[in-house]
């Protein structure tokens, strides 16, 4: 099967994807636990396989020990270079793209891949991947900065995009407006007046400034009050303080979808 897609820059770093991985454990863990074949695809893992290795280790520890992770890359040189990292049971690397090399995984993680595509290509990429998922499976697609301090991702299933999550390392966050730089490709060009995601970023930023009085108690307390204030304004924030305190905020996709 011919790989679908193009070779991306492939830059990565250890622990770059720890925030989304921890969210995946919490949000997508149950479908993996129930799956007859707990198969996960790390799509476009990059020039080095470190994030695929980390994903497999985190899922094996927190979800189920027999989870299988397949790292897919279009560039055959990257696939060959990753083979020495395929030592742990359940971790392999192969050539493939959005067609998923014919696999039927329960979960696909695709990070910092579509960021290098045109916005108009996003919907087709989502549809191609989700059309190849196992029943009940999800695609988690998004982007983050080089050190994993800021990130944003969309969970997509067979019915389309379901949620948007924004996440930050709170000890280095100066303002929620910084999250706009790491919006997923489907939204990053929509951070303009008249778009819902622009309104969300502005609401978070306004609430962050209003919560400045909580700064002496630490950035976590300030963030908790920020998210609670945004929810009180009517934004349909999902989850509760247990996830918010990690620097996350998640909303249903319709609340932020392009107009």
C-alpha atoms as a PDB file:
ATOM      1  CA  UNK A   1       0.000   0.000   0.000  1.00  0.00           C
ATOM      2  CA  UNK A   2       1.494   3.328  -1.042  1.00  0.00           C
ATOM      3  CA  UNK A   3       2.040   5.676   1.941  1.00  0.00           C
ATOM      4  CA  UNK A   4      -0.229   8.733   1.883  1.00  0.00           C
ATOM      5  CA  UNK A   5       1.372  12.022   2.857  1.00  0.00           C
ATOM      6  CA  UNK A   6       4.672  13.848   2.614  1.00  0.00           C
ATOM      7  CA  UNK A   7       7.872  13.747   4.620  1.00  0.00           C
ATOM      8  CA  UNK A   8       7.833  16.374   7.377  1.00  0.00           C
ATOM      9  CA  UNK A   9      10.719  18.072   9.166  1.00  0.00           C
ATOM     10  CA  UNK A  10      10.680  15.426  11.874  1.00  0.00           C
ATOM     11  CA  UNK A  11      12.114  17.497  14.724  1.00  0.00           C
ATOM     12  CA  UNK A  12      11.447  16.031  18.156  1.00  0.00           C
ATOM     13  CA  UNK A  13      12.760  15.871  21.720  1.00  0.00           C
ATOM     14  CA  UNK A  14      12.512  13.480  24.665  1.00  0.00           C
ATOM     15  CA  UNK A  15       9.376  14.108  26.751  1.00  0.00           C
ATOM     16  CA  UNK A  16       8.024  16.518  24.162  1.00  0.00           C
ATOM     17  CA  UNK A  17       4.689  14.694  24.088  1.00  0.00           C
ATOM     18  CA  UNK A  18       4.306  13.840  27.770  1.00  0.00           C
ATOM     19  CA  UNK A  19       1.277  16.126  28.208  1.00  0.00           C
ATOM     20  CA  UNK A  20      -0.745  14.581  25.411  1.00  0.00           C
ATOM     21  CA  UNK A  21       0.406  11.082  26.424  1.00  0.00           C
ATOM     22  CA  UNK A  22      -0.882  11.590  29.967  1.00  0.00           C
ATOM     23  CA  UNK A  23      -4.159  12.898  28.560  1.00  0.00           C
ATOM     24  CA  UNK A  24      -4.397   9.850  26.279  1.00  0.00           C
ATOM     25  CA  UNK A  25      -3.957   7.531  29.255  1.00  0.00           C
ATOM     26  CA  UNK A  26      -6.824   9.273  31.036  1.00  0.00           C
ATOM     27  CA  UNK A  27      -9.172   9.775  28.083  1.00  0.00           C
ATOM     28  CA  UNK A  28      -8.463   6.877  25.735  1.00  0.00           C
ATOM     29  CA  UNK A  29      -7.369   4.259  28.241  1.00  0.00           C
ATOM     30  CA  UNK A  30     -10.703   2.474  28.575  1.00  0.00           C
ATOM     31  CA  UNK A  31     -11.120   1.674  24.841  1.00  0.00           C
ATOM     32  CA  UNK A  32      -7.585   0.251  24.846  1.00  0.00           C
ATOM     33  CA  UNK A  33      -8.318  -1.850  27.938  1.00  0.00           C
ATOM     34  CA  UNK A  34     -11.428  -3.245  26.247  1.00  0.00           C
ATOM     35  CA  UNK A  35      -9.829  -3.837  22.846  1.00  0.00           C
ATOM     36  CA  UNK A  36      -9.243  -7.378  21.638  1.00  0.00           C
ATOM     37  CA  UNK A  37      -6.070  -6.060  20.039  1.00  0.00           C
ATOM     38  CA  UNK A  38      -4.669  -3.028  21.917  1.00  0.00           C
ATOM     39  CA  UNK A  39      -2.947  -1.569  18.867  1.00  0.00           C
ATOM     40  CA  UNK A  40      -1.721   2.041  18.820  1.00  0.00           C
ATOM     41  CA  UNK A  41      -0.108   3.894  15.912  1.00  0.00           C
ATOM     42  CA  UNK A  42       2.328   6.752  16.417  1.00  0.00           C
ATOM     43  CA  UNK A  43       1.925   8.457  13.056  1.00  0.00           C
ATOM     44  CA  UNK A  44       4.864  10.562  11.910  1.00  0.00           C
ATOM     45  CA  UNK A  45       7.111  10.020  14.932  1.00  0.00           C
ATOM     46  CA  UNK A  46       9.914  12.044  13.350  1.00  0.00           C
ATOM     47  CA  UNK A  47      13.647  11.851  12.860  1.00  0.00           C
ATOM     48  CA  UNK A  48      14.154   9.849  16.058  1.00  0.00           C
ATOM     49  CA  UNK A  49      11.837   7.260  17.636  1.00  0.00           C
ATOM     50  CA  UNK A  50      12.031   8.597  21.191  1.00  0.00           C
ATOM     51  CA  UNK A  51       8.398   9.715  21.470  1.00  0.00           C
ATOM     52  CA  UNK A  52       7.148   6.346  20.196  1.00  0.00           C
ATOM     53  CA  UNK A  53       9.288   4.588  22.803  1.00  0.00           C
ATOM     54  CA  UNK A  54       7.872   6.870  25.503  1.00  0.00           C
ATOM     55  CA  UNK A  55       4.279   6.367  24.350  1.00  0.00           C
ATOM     56  CA  UNK A  56       4.593   2.599  24.521  1.00  0.00           C
ATOM     57  CA  UNK A  57       6.183   2.762  27.989  1.00  0.00           C
ATOM     58  CA  UNK A  58       3.466   5.052  29.353  1.00  0.00           C
ATOM     59  CA  UNK A  59       0.610   2.998  27.955  1.00  0.00           C
ATOM     60  CA  UNK A  60       2.157  -0.289  29.087  1.00  0.00           C
ATOM     61  CA  UNK A  61       2.528   1.058  32.612  1.00  0.00           C
ATOM     62  CA  UNK A  62      -0.783   2.877  33.002  1.00  0.00           C
ATOM     63  CA  UNK A  63      -3.204   1.063  30.667  1.00  0.00           C
ATOM     64  CA  UNK A  64      -2.208  -2.532  29.862  1.00  0.00           C
ATOM     65  CA  UNK A  65       1.083  -4.324  29.578  1.00  0.00           C
ATOM     66  CA  UNK A  66       0.359  -5.996  26.258  1.00  0.00           C
ATOM     67  CA  UNK A  67      -0.278  -2.783  24.336  1.00  0.00           C
ATOM     68  CA  UNK A  68       1.313  -2.722  20.879  1.00  0.00           C
ATOM     69  CA  UNK A  69       2.688   0.490  19.418  1.00  0.00           C
ATOM     70  CA  UNK A  70       3.662   0.785  15.759  1.00  0.00           C
ATOM     71  CA  UNK A  71       5.600   3.871  14.729  1.00  0.00           C
ATOM     72  CA  UNK A  72       4.875   4.877  11.136  1.00  0.00           C
ATOM     73  CA  UNK A  73       7.000   7.172   8.996  1.00  0.00           C
ATOM     74  CA  UNK A  74       6.972   7.850   5.271  1.00  0.00           C
ATOM     75  CA  UNK A  75      10.738   8.323   5.102  1.00  0.00           C
ATOM     76  CA  UNK A  76      12.318   4.835   4.841  1.00  0.00           C
ATOM     77  CA  UNK A  77      15.600   6.202   6.234  1.00  0.00           C
ATOM     78  CA  UNK A  78      13.840   7.146   9.464  1.00  0.00           C
ATOM     79  CA  UNK A  79      12.205   3.734   9.656  1.00  0.00           C
ATOM     80  CA  UNK A  80      15.563   2.000   9.276  1.00  0.00           C
ATOM     81  CA  UNK A  81      17.177   4.273  11.856  1.00  0.00           C
ATOM     82  CA  UNK A  82      14.409   3.482  14.370  1.00  0.00           C
ATOM     83  CA  UNK A  83      14.786  -0.298  14.236  1.00  0.00           C
ATOM     84  CA  UNK A  84      17.388  -0.518  17.057  1.00  0.00           C
ATOM     85  CA  UNK A  85      14.822   1.127  19.368  1.00  0.00           C
ATOM     86  CA  UNK A  86      12.345  -1.714  18.761  1.00  0.00           C
ATOM     87  CA  UNK A  87      13.739  -3.742  21.648  1.00  0.00           C
ATOM     88  CA  UNK A  88      10.771  -3.676  24.083  1.00  0.00           C
ATOM     89  CA  UNK A  89       8.098  -6.246  23.248  1.00  0.00           C
ATOM     90  CA  UNK A  90       5.195  -4.566  21.531  1.00  0.00           C
ATOM     91  CA  UNK A  91       7.125  -1.790  19.787  1.00  0.00           C
ATOM     92  CA  UNK A  92       7.789  -1.891  16.037  1.00  0.00           C
ATOM     93  CA  UNK A  93       8.435   0.581  13.228  1.00  0.00           C
ATOM     94  CA  UNK A  94       7.232   0.535   9.640  1.00  0.00           C
ATOM     95  CA  UNK A  95       6.759   2.700   6.593  1.00  0.00           C
ATOM     96  CA  UNK A  96       3.354   4.286   6.288  1.00  0.00           C
ATOM     97  CA  UNK A  97       1.259   7.436   6.246  1.00  0.00           C
ATOM     98  CA  UNK A  98      -2.386   8.405   6.647  1.00  0.00           C
ATOM     99  CA  UNK A  99      -3.450   5.038   5.234  1.00  0.00           C
ATOM    100  CA  UNK A 100      -1.897   3.513   8.408  1.00  0.00           C
ATOM    101  CA  UNK A 101      -0.084   0.829   6.399  1.00  0.00           C
ATOM    102  CA  UNK A 102      -3.238  -1.275   6.399  1.00  0.00           C
ATOM    103  CA  UNK A 103      -3.414  -1.442  10.217  1.00  0.00           C
ATOM    104  CA  UNK A 104      -6.638  -1.138  12.235  1.00  0.00           C
ATOM    105  CA  UNK A 105      -5.573   0.530  15.485  1.00  0.00           C
ATOM    106  CA  UNK A 106      -7.729   1.572  18.408  1.00  0.00           C
ATOM    107  CA  UNK A 107      -5.728   4.760  18.795  1.00  0.00           C
ATOM    108  CA  UNK A 108      -3.621   6.947  16.518  1.00  0.00           C
ATOM    109  CA  UNK A 109      -1.457   9.764  17.823  1.00  0.00           C
ATOM    110  CA  UNK A 110      -0.360  12.229  15.111  1.00  0.00           C
ATOM    111  CA  UNK A 111       1.575  15.164  16.543  1.00  0.00           C
ATOM    112  CA  UNK A 112       3.331  17.983  14.740  1.00  0.00           C
ATOM    113  CA  UNK A 113       2.438  16.349  11.423  1.00  0.00           C
ATOM    114  CA  UNK A 114      -0.505  18.281   9.990  1.00  0.00           C
ATOM    115  CA  UNK A 115       1.041  21.517  11.209  1.00  0.00           C
ATOM    116  CA  UNK A 116       3.241  21.260   8.131  1.00  0.00           C
ATOM    117  CA  UNK A 117       0.273  20.796   5.767  1.00  0.00           C
ATOM    118  CA  UNK A 118      -2.230  23.294   4.401  1.00  0.00           C
ATOM    119  CA  UNK A 119      -5.371  23.901   6.423  1.00  0.00           C
ATOM    120  CA  UNK A 120      -7.476  22.656   3.529  1.00  0.00           C
ATOM    121  CA  UNK A 121      -5.853  19.224   3.777  1.00  0.00           C
ATOM    122  CA  UNK A 122      -6.786  18.630   7.409  1.00  0.00           C
ATOM    123  CA  UNK A 123     -10.317  17.313   6.962  1.00  0.00           C
ATOM    124  CA  UNK A 124      -9.245  14.748   4.354  1.00  0.00           C
ATOM    125  CA  UNK A 125      -6.378  13.579   6.560  1.00  0.00           C
ATOM    126  CA  UNK A 126      -8.715  13.175   9.532  1.00  0.00           C
ATOM    127  CA  UNK A 127     -11.211  11.257   7.403  1.00  0.00           C
ATOM    128  CA  UNK A 128      -8.551   8.983   5.926  1.00  0.00           C
ATOM    129  CA  UNK A 129      -7.175   8.042   9.350  1.00  0.00           C
ATOM    130  CA  UNK A 130     -10.495   7.616  11.164  1.00  0.00           C
ATOM    131  CA  UNK A 131     -11.829   5.504   8.312  1.00  0.00           C
ATOM    132  CA  UNK A 132      -9.146   2.954   9.146  1.00  0.00           C
ATOM    133  CA  UNK A 133      -9.610   2.857  12.919  1.00  0.00           C
ATOM    134  CA  UNK A 134     -10.944  -0.135  14.813  1.00  0.00           C
ATOM    135  CA  UNK A 135     -14.529   0.318  16.054  1.00  0.00           C
ATOM    136  CA  UNK A 136     -14.623   2.884  18.838  1.00  0.00           C
ATOM    137  CA  UNK A 137     -11.132   4.126  17.980  1.00  0.00           C
ATOM    138  CA  UNK A 138      -9.818   7.682  18.091  1.00  0.00           C
ATOM    139  CA  UNK A 139      -7.280   9.901  16.400  1.00  0.00           C
ATOM    140  CA  UNK A 140      -5.502  12.407  18.648  1.00  0.00           C
ATOM    141  CA  UNK A 141      -4.047  15.078  16.370  1.00  0.00           C
ATOM    142  CA  UNK A 142      -2.285  18.257  17.385  1.00  0.00           C
ATOM    143  CA  UNK A 143       0.889  20.182  17.912  1.00  0.00           C
ATOM    144  CA  UNK A 144       3.188  21.409  20.658  1.00  0.00           C
ATOM    145  CA  UNK A 145       6.303  23.481  21.104  1.00  0.00           C
ATOM    146  CA  UNK A 146       9.768  21.956  20.979  1.00  0.00           C
ATOM    147  CA  UNK A 147       9.940  21.291  24.734  1.00  0.00           C
ATOM    148  CA  UNK A 148       6.316  20.255  25.184  1.00  0.00           C
ATOM    149  CA  UNK A 149       5.426  23.231  27.365  1.00  0.00           C
ATOM    150  CA  UNK A 150       2.522  24.390  25.195  1.00  0.00           C
ATOM    151  CA  UNK A 151       0.212  22.168  23.195  1.00  0.00           C
ATOM    152  CA  UNK A 152      -3.175  21.774  21.608  1.00  0.00           C
ATOM    153  CA  UNK A 153      -4.915  18.716  20.190  1.00  0.00           C
ATOM    154  CA  UNK A 154      -8.191  17.464  18.776  1.00  0.00           C
ATOM    155  CA  UNK A 155      -9.742  14.078  19.431  1.00  0.00           C
ATOM    156  CA  UNK A 156     -11.385  12.782  16.264  1.00  0.00           C
ATOM    157  CA  UNK A 157     -13.440   9.640  15.778  1.00  0.00           C
ATOM    158  CA  UNK A 158     -15.559   8.172  13.008  1.00  0.00           C
ATOM    159  CA  UNK A 159     -18.158  10.904  13.442  1.00  0.00           C
ATOM    160  CA  UNK A 160     -15.642  13.744  13.194  1.00  0.00           C
ATOM    161  CA  UNK A 161     -13.837  16.029  15.644  1.00  0.00           C
ATOM    162  CA  UNK A 162     -15.101  15.706  19.202  1.00  0.00           C
ATOM    163  CA  UNK A 163     -13.012  17.843  21.552  1.00  0.00           C
ATOM    164  CA  UNK A 164     -10.239  20.424  21.672  1.00  0.00           C
ATOM    165  CA  UNK A 165      -7.703  20.368  24.496  1.00  0.00           C
ATOM    166  CA  UNK A 166      -5.214  23.120  25.295  1.00  0.00           C
ATOM    167  CA  UNK A 167      -2.418  22.398  27.754  1.00  0.00           C
ATOM    168  CA  UNK A 168       0.496  24.296  29.240  1.00  0.00           C
ATOM    169  CA  UNK A 169       3.301  23.929  31.739  1.00  0.00           C
ATOM    170  CA  UNK A 170       1.917  26.396  34.236  1.00  0.00           C
ATOM    171  CA  UNK A 171       5.245  27.321  35.826  1.00  0.00           C
ATOM    172  CA  UNK A 172       6.394  28.793  32.505  1.00  0.00           C
ATOM    173  CA  UNK A 173       3.057  30.198  31.293  1.00  0.00           C
ATOM    174  CA  UNK A 174       3.010  33.994  31.123  1.00  0.00           C
ATOM    175  CA  UNK A 175      -0.392  34.274  29.477  1.00  0.00           C
ATOM    176  CA  UNK A 176      -2.971  31.909  27.937  1.00  0.00           C
ATOM    177  CA  UNK A 177      -2.563  33.918  24.733  1.00  0.00           C
ATOM    178  CA  UNK A 178       0.639  31.913  24.203  1.00  0.00           C
ATOM    179  CA  UNK A 179      -1.508  28.850  23.548  1.00  0.00           C
ATOM    180  CA  UNK A 180      -2.631  30.400  20.259  1.00  0.00           C
ATOM    181  CA  UNK A 181       0.810  29.637  18.819  1.00  0.00           C
ATOM    182  CA  UNK A 182       0.204  25.903  19.265  1.00  0.00           C
ATOM    183  CA  UNK A 183      -3.365  25.504  18.136  1.00  0.00           C
ATOM    184  CA  UNK A 184      -3.934  22.488  15.875  1.00  0.00           C
ATOM    185  CA  UNK A 185      -3.721  23.178  12.159  1.00  0.00           C
ATOM    186  CA  UNK A 186      -7.508  23.214  11.814  1.00  0.00           C
ATOM    187  CA  UNK A 187      -7.658  26.235  14.134  1.00  0.00           C
ATOM    188  CA  UNK A 188      -4.333  28.042  14.102  1.00  0.00           C
ATOM    189  CA  UNK A 189      -5.368  30.358  11.259  1.00  0.00           C
ATOM    190  CA  UNK A 190      -8.746  30.964  12.918  1.00  0.00           C
ATOM    191  CA  UNK A 191      -7.415  32.983  15.840  1.00  0.00           C
ATOM    192  CA  UNK A 192      -8.965  36.146  14.425  1.00  0.00           C
ATOM    193  CA  UNK A 193     -11.985  38.234  15.466  1.00  0.00           C
ATOM    194  CA  UNK A 194     -15.240  36.548  14.585  1.00  0.00           C
ATOM    195  CA  UNK A 195     -13.971  33.019  15.212  1.00  0.00           C
ATOM    196  CA  UNK A 196     -14.938  30.996  18.276  1.00  0.00           C
ATOM    197  CA  UNK A 197     -11.407  29.898  19.112  1.00  0.00           C
ATOM    198  CA  UNK A 198     -10.326  33.547  19.130  1.00  0.00           C
ATOM    199  CA  UNK A 199     -13.090  34.276  21.625  1.00  0.00           C
ATOM    200  CA  UNK A 200     -11.943  31.361  23.773  1.00  0.00           C
ATOM    201  CA  UNK A 201      -8.312  32.481  23.860  1.00  0.00           C
ATOM    202  CA  UNK A 202      -9.402  36.012  24.731  1.00  0.00           C
ATOM    203  CA  UNK A 203     -11.723  34.748  27.480  1.00  0.00           C
ATOM    204  CA  UNK A 204      -8.889  32.690  28.994  1.00  0.00           C
ATOM    205  CA  UNK A 205      -6.524  35.640  28.789  1.00  0.00           C
ATOM    206  CA  UNK A 206      -9.013  38.021  30.416  1.00  0.00           C
ATOM    207  CA  UNK A 207      -9.764  35.524  33.185  1.00  0.00           C
ATOM    208  CA  UNK A 208      -6.021  34.949  33.756  1.00  0.00           C
ATOM    209  CA  UNK A 209      -5.475  38.662  34.276  1.00  0.00           C
ATOM    210  CA  UNK A 210      -8.497  38.868  36.559  1.00  0.00           C
ATOM    211  CA  UNK A 211      -7.052  35.989  38.618  1.00  0.00           C
ATOM    212  CA  UNK A 212      -3.756  37.798  39.188  1.00  0.00           C
ATOM    213  CA  UNK A 213      -4.582  38.005  42.883  1.00  0.00           C
ATOM    214  CA  UNK A 214      -4.094  34.239  43.131  1.00  0.00           C
ATOM    215  CA  UNK A 215      -0.559  34.382  41.693  1.00  0.00           C
ATOM    216  CA  UNK A 216       1.075  34.402  45.172  1.00  0.00           C
ATOM    217  CA  UNK A 217      -0.486  30.975  45.755  1.00  0.00           C
ATOM    218  CA  UNK A 218       1.166  29.602  42.607  1.00  0.00           C
ATOM    219  CA  UNK A 219       0.289  29.322  38.914  1.00  0.00           C
ATOM    220  CA  UNK A 220      -1.836  26.243  39.498  1.00  0.00           C
ATOM    221  CA  UNK A 221      -4.273  28.136  41.688  1.00  0.00           C
ATOM    222  CA  UNK A 222      -4.347  30.982  39.215  1.00  0.00           C
ATOM    223  CA  UNK A 223      -5.112  28.573  36.355  1.00  0.00           C
ATOM    224  CA  UNK A 224      -7.838  26.800  38.326  1.00  0.00           C
ATOM    225  CA  UNK A 225      -9.602  30.096  38.927  1.00  0.00           C
ATOM    226  CA  UNK A 226      -9.069  31.076  35.292  1.00  0.00           C
ATOM    227  CA  UNK A 227     -10.745  27.956  33.912  1.00  0.00           C
ATOM    228  CA  UNK A 228     -13.563  28.139  36.454  1.00  0.00           C
ATOM    229  CA  UNK A 229     -14.223  31.760  35.480  1.00  0.00           C
ATOM    230  CA  UNK A 230     -14.357  30.845  31.779  1.00  0.00           C
ATOM    231  CA  UNK A 231     -16.794  28.044  32.562  1.00  0.00           C
ATOM    232  CA  UNK A 232     -18.937  30.472  34.572  1.00  0.00           C
ATOM    233  CA  UNK A 233     -19.086  32.722  31.518  1.00  0.00           C
ATOM    234  CA  UNK A 234     -20.893  29.915  29.706  1.00  0.00           C
ATOM    235  CA  UNK A 235     -18.075  28.106  27.923  1.00  0.00           C
ATOM    236  CA  UNK A 236     -18.838  24.336  28.051  1.00  0.00           C
ATOM    237  CA  UNK A 237     -15.580  23.341  29.751  1.00  0.00           C
ATOM    238  CA  UNK A 238     -15.313  19.582  30.240  1.00  0.00           C
ATOM    239  CA  UNK A 239     -13.870  17.723  33.186  1.00  0.00           C
ATOM    240  CA  UNK A 240     -13.049  19.324  36.487  1.00  0.00           C
ATOM    241  CA  UNK A 241     -10.264  20.595  38.724  1.00  0.00           C
ATOM    242  CA  UNK A 242      -8.431  17.251  38.687  1.00  0.00           C
ATOM    243  CA  UNK A 243      -7.556  17.806  35.015  1.00  0.00           C
ATOM    244  CA  UNK A 244      -7.468  21.584  35.115  1.00  0.00           C
ATOM    245  CA  UNK A 245      -4.738  21.550  37.756  1.00  0.00           C
ATOM    246  CA  UNK A 246      -2.490  19.848  35.192  1.00  0.00           C
ATOM    247  CA  UNK A 247      -2.697  22.949  33.018  1.00  0.00           C
ATOM    248  CA  UNK A 248      -5.417  21.566  30.743  1.00  0.00           C
ATOM    249  CA  UNK A 249      -8.703  22.887  29.446  1.00  0.00           C
ATOM    250  CA  UNK A 250     -10.932  20.763  27.191  1.00  0.00           C
ATOM    251  CA  UNK A 251     -14.067  21.828  25.328  1.00  0.00           C
ATOM    252  CA  UNK A 252     -16.466  20.132  22.887  1.00  0.00           C
ATOM    253  CA  UNK A 253     -15.458  20.781  19.291  1.00  0.00           C
ATOM    254  CA  UNK A 254     -18.652  22.702  18.363  1.00  0.00           C
ATOM    255  CA  UNK A 255     -17.682  25.360  20.924  1.00  0.00           C
ATOM    256  CA  UNK A 256     -14.519  26.227  18.957  1.00  0.00           C
ATOM    257  CA  UNK A 257     -15.163  24.958  15.432  1.00  0.00           C
ATOM    258  CA  UNK A 258     -14.422  27.363  12.567  1.00  0.00           C
ATOM    259  CA  UNK A 259     -17.463  29.446  11.771  1.00  0.00           C
END
